[in-house]
Protein backbone atom coordinates (compact mmCIF):
# COMPACT_ATOMS: atom_id res chain seq x y z
CA MET A 1 0.00 0.00 0.00
CA ASN A 2 1.05 3.59 -0.64
CA SER A 3 2.80 5.06 2.39
CA VAL A 4 1.38 8.57 2.68
CA ASN A 5 2.55 10.26 5.84
CA ILE A 6 1.99 14.03 6.11
CA ARG A 7 3.22 15.49 9.40
CA ASN A 8 2.62 18.79 11.18
CA LYS A 9 6.07 19.47 12.64
CA ARG A 10 5.10 22.97 13.72
CA ALA A 11 2.40 21.62 16.07
CA TYR A 12 4.96 19.84 18.25
CA PHE A 13 6.98 23.06 18.54
CA GLU A 14 4.04 25.41 19.18
CA TYR A 15 1.98 23.16 21.47
CA GLU A 16 2.35 20.71 24.33
CA ILE A 17 0.31 17.65 23.32
CA LEU A 18 -1.75 16.28 26.25
CA GLU A 19 -3.90 13.58 24.58
CA GLU A 20 -4.01 12.01 21.13
CA LEU A 21 -6.68 10.33 19.00
CA VAL A 22 -6.94 8.85 15.52
CA ALA A 23 -9.99 10.02 13.58
CA GLY A 24 -11.36 9.05 10.19
CA MET A 25 -12.27 11.73 7.67
CA VAL A 26 -15.13 12.18 5.22
CA LEU A 27 -13.47 12.82 1.85
CA THR A 28 -14.59 13.00 -1.76
CA GLY A 29 -13.11 10.77 -4.46
CA THR A 30 -10.77 13.41 -5.89
CA GLU A 31 -9.46 14.26 -2.40
CA ILE A 32 -8.41 10.69 -1.63
CA LYS A 33 -6.80 10.37 -5.07
CA SER A 34 -4.84 13.56 -4.47
CA LEU A 35 -3.73 12.26 -1.05
CA ARG A 36 -2.58 8.97 -2.58
CA GLU A 37 -0.27 11.01 -4.82
CA GLY A 38 1.37 12.23 -1.59
CA LYS A 39 0.06 15.77 -1.79
CA GLY A 40 -1.40 17.74 1.10
CA SER A 41 -0.41 20.04 3.94
CA LEU A 42 -1.34 20.38 7.61
CA ASN A 43 0.54 23.65 8.16
CA GLU A 44 -2.40 25.98 8.79
CA ALA A 45 -5.01 23.36 9.68
CA PHE A 46 -6.97 23.32 12.92
CA CYS A 47 -9.85 21.33 14.38
CA ALA A 48 -13.14 22.63 15.75
CA ILE A 49 -16.22 21.12 17.33
CA SER A 50 -19.55 22.65 16.41
CA GLU A 51 -23.08 21.33 16.94
CA GLY A 52 -21.78 18.04 18.34
CA GLU A 53 -19.60 17.24 15.32
CA ALA A 54 -15.83 17.55 14.84
CA PHE A 55 -14.37 19.23 11.76
CA VAL A 56 -10.90 19.93 10.42
CA ARG A 57 -10.63 23.32 8.78
CA ASN A 58 -8.03 24.83 6.47
CA LEU A 59 -6.49 21.41 5.67
CA PHE A 60 -4.91 21.81 2.24
CA ILE A 61 -5.48 18.97 -0.23
CA PRO A 62 -4.69 20.24 -3.75
CA GLU A 63 -7.06 19.55 -6.61
CA TYR A 64 -6.56 16.19 -8.29
CA SER A 65 -4.54 16.62 -11.47
CA LEU A 66 -6.83 14.38 -13.54
CA GLY A 67 -10.04 15.70 -11.94
CA THR A 68 -12.81 17.22 -14.02
CA TYR A 69 -15.59 19.65 -13.15
CA ALA A 70 -16.28 17.49 -10.06
CA ASN A 71 -12.94 18.43 -8.44
CA HIS A 72 -13.01 19.53 -4.80
CA SER A 73 -12.10 22.90 -3.31
CA PRO A 74 -8.58 22.65 -1.74
CA ARG A 75 -9.30 24.14 1.71
CA ARG A 76 -12.86 23.03 2.39
CA GLN A 77 -14.09 22.00 5.82
CA ARG A 78 -13.97 18.22 6.32
CA LYS A 79 -15.88 16.18 8.91
CA LEU A 80 -13.97 14.00 11.37
CA LEU A 81 -15.37 10.61 12.34
CA LEU A 82 -15.21 10.22 16.12
CA ASN A 83 -17.37 8.58 18.78
CA ARG A 84 -19.94 10.79 20.49
CA LYS A 85 -18.21 10.15 23.84
CA GLU A 86 -14.86 11.35 22.52
CA ILE A 87 -16.37 14.46 20.93
CA ASN A 88 -18.22 15.40 24.13
CA LYS A 89 -15.15 14.80 26.31
CA TRP A 90 -12.85 16.90 24.13
CA GLU A 91 -15.46 19.63 23.63
CA HIS A 92 -15.78 19.96 27.40
CA LYS A 93 -12.00 20.17 27.86
CA VAL A 94 -11.62 22.77 25.10
CA LYS A 95 -14.34 24.99 26.62
CA GLU A 96 -13.30 24.61 30.26
CA LYS A 97 -9.51 24.64 30.17
CA GLY A 98 -8.80 26.75 27.09
CA LEU A 99 -7.13 23.92 25.20
CA THR A 100 -7.20 23.44 21.43
CA ILE A 101 -7.39 20.51 19.03
CA VAL A 102 -4.50 20.30 16.58
CA PRO A 103 -4.02 17.93 13.61
CA LEU A 104 -0.66 16.16 13.99
CA LYS A 105 -0.40 13.62 11.17
CA LEU A 106 -2.38 12.57 8.10
CA PHE A 107 -1.88 9.01 6.85
CA LEU A 108 -3.53 6.18 4.97
CA ASN A 109 -4.15 2.99 6.96
CA GLU A 110 -3.67 -0.55 5.66
CA LYS A 111 -7.16 -0.51 4.09
CA GLY A 112 -6.37 2.70 2.18
CA LEU A 113 -8.60 4.91 4.33
CA ALA A 114 -7.43 8.43 5.25
CA LYS A 115 -6.90 8.91 8.98
CA LEU A 116 -6.01 12.06 10.89
CA HIS A 117 -3.99 11.86 14.08
CA ILE A 118 -5.25 14.73 16.27
CA GLY A 119 -4.06 15.99 19.63
CA LEU A 120 -5.55 17.93 22.52
CA ALA A 121 -2.96 20.65 22.98
CA LYS A 122 -1.95 23.51 25.24
CA GLY A 123 0.02 26.42 23.78
CA LYS A 124 3.66 26.65 24.82
CA LYS A 125 5.15 29.81 26.30
CA LEU A 126 8.24 31.41 24.75
CA TYR A 127 10.60 29.92 27.35
CA ASP A 128 9.17 26.43 26.68
CA LYS A 129 9.95 26.86 22.98
CA ARG A 130 13.51 27.92 23.80
CA GLN A 131 13.87 24.84 26.02
CA SER A 132 12.64 22.62 23.15
CA LEU A 133 15.23 24.14 20.81
CA LYS A 134 17.99 23.67 23.38
CA GLU A 135 17.08 19.98 23.88
CA LYS A 136 17.02 19.48 20.12
CA ASP A 137 20.51 21.01 19.76
CA ILE A 138 21.89 18.86 22.60
CA GLN A 139 20.42 15.71 21.03
CA ARG A 140 21.95 16.62 17.65
CA ASP A 141 25.39 17.12 19.25
CA ILE A 142 25.15 13.74 21.03
CA GLU A 143 24.28 12.00 17.75
CA ARG A 144 27.21 13.66 15.95
CA ARG A 145 29.72 12.63 18.57
CA GLY A 146 28.38 9.08 18.66
CA GLU A 147 28.83 8.55 14.92
C-alpha cells in the first residue's frame, strides 16, 4: 500500500500535546486520489467542534490533477469521524480549560482509508519553545559525537 505520511512538525513546537486520537475523515473521491499522490499540507489546519460534530478546517489537499468539473475545493471543511463520547469529552476540555485541538499527522491505513492523528494541545510559552530548541541542539550534538 502507498505510504502517505503528512506530518505537522510545527504543532509539536508550538503546542504541548496532552492527549491524542486517531480520527477518520469524510473525503470526496478526488481528495483521496490527491492524497494517494502524496500531496497535502497540515501547516495551517486546525480542528473545531460545532453542533456536536468535529471538523478539520483549512487542511490543504490540492485539486486532483486528472479531476474534471467534479474536483473539490482545496481548503474546504472536512468532517472528522469520532465517537460521540470522545467528541463530548474533548469539547468539554476545550471549553473549560482553554485547550485546542490540533491535527498532527495525516496518513492512509492498511485498508487505504485516510486517517487524521489529532491531539488535545496547550500552547507553549516562549521559554518552553527555547527549552525545546535547546534539547534538540543537545540531542543533535550527542548524535554527531556518537557517529
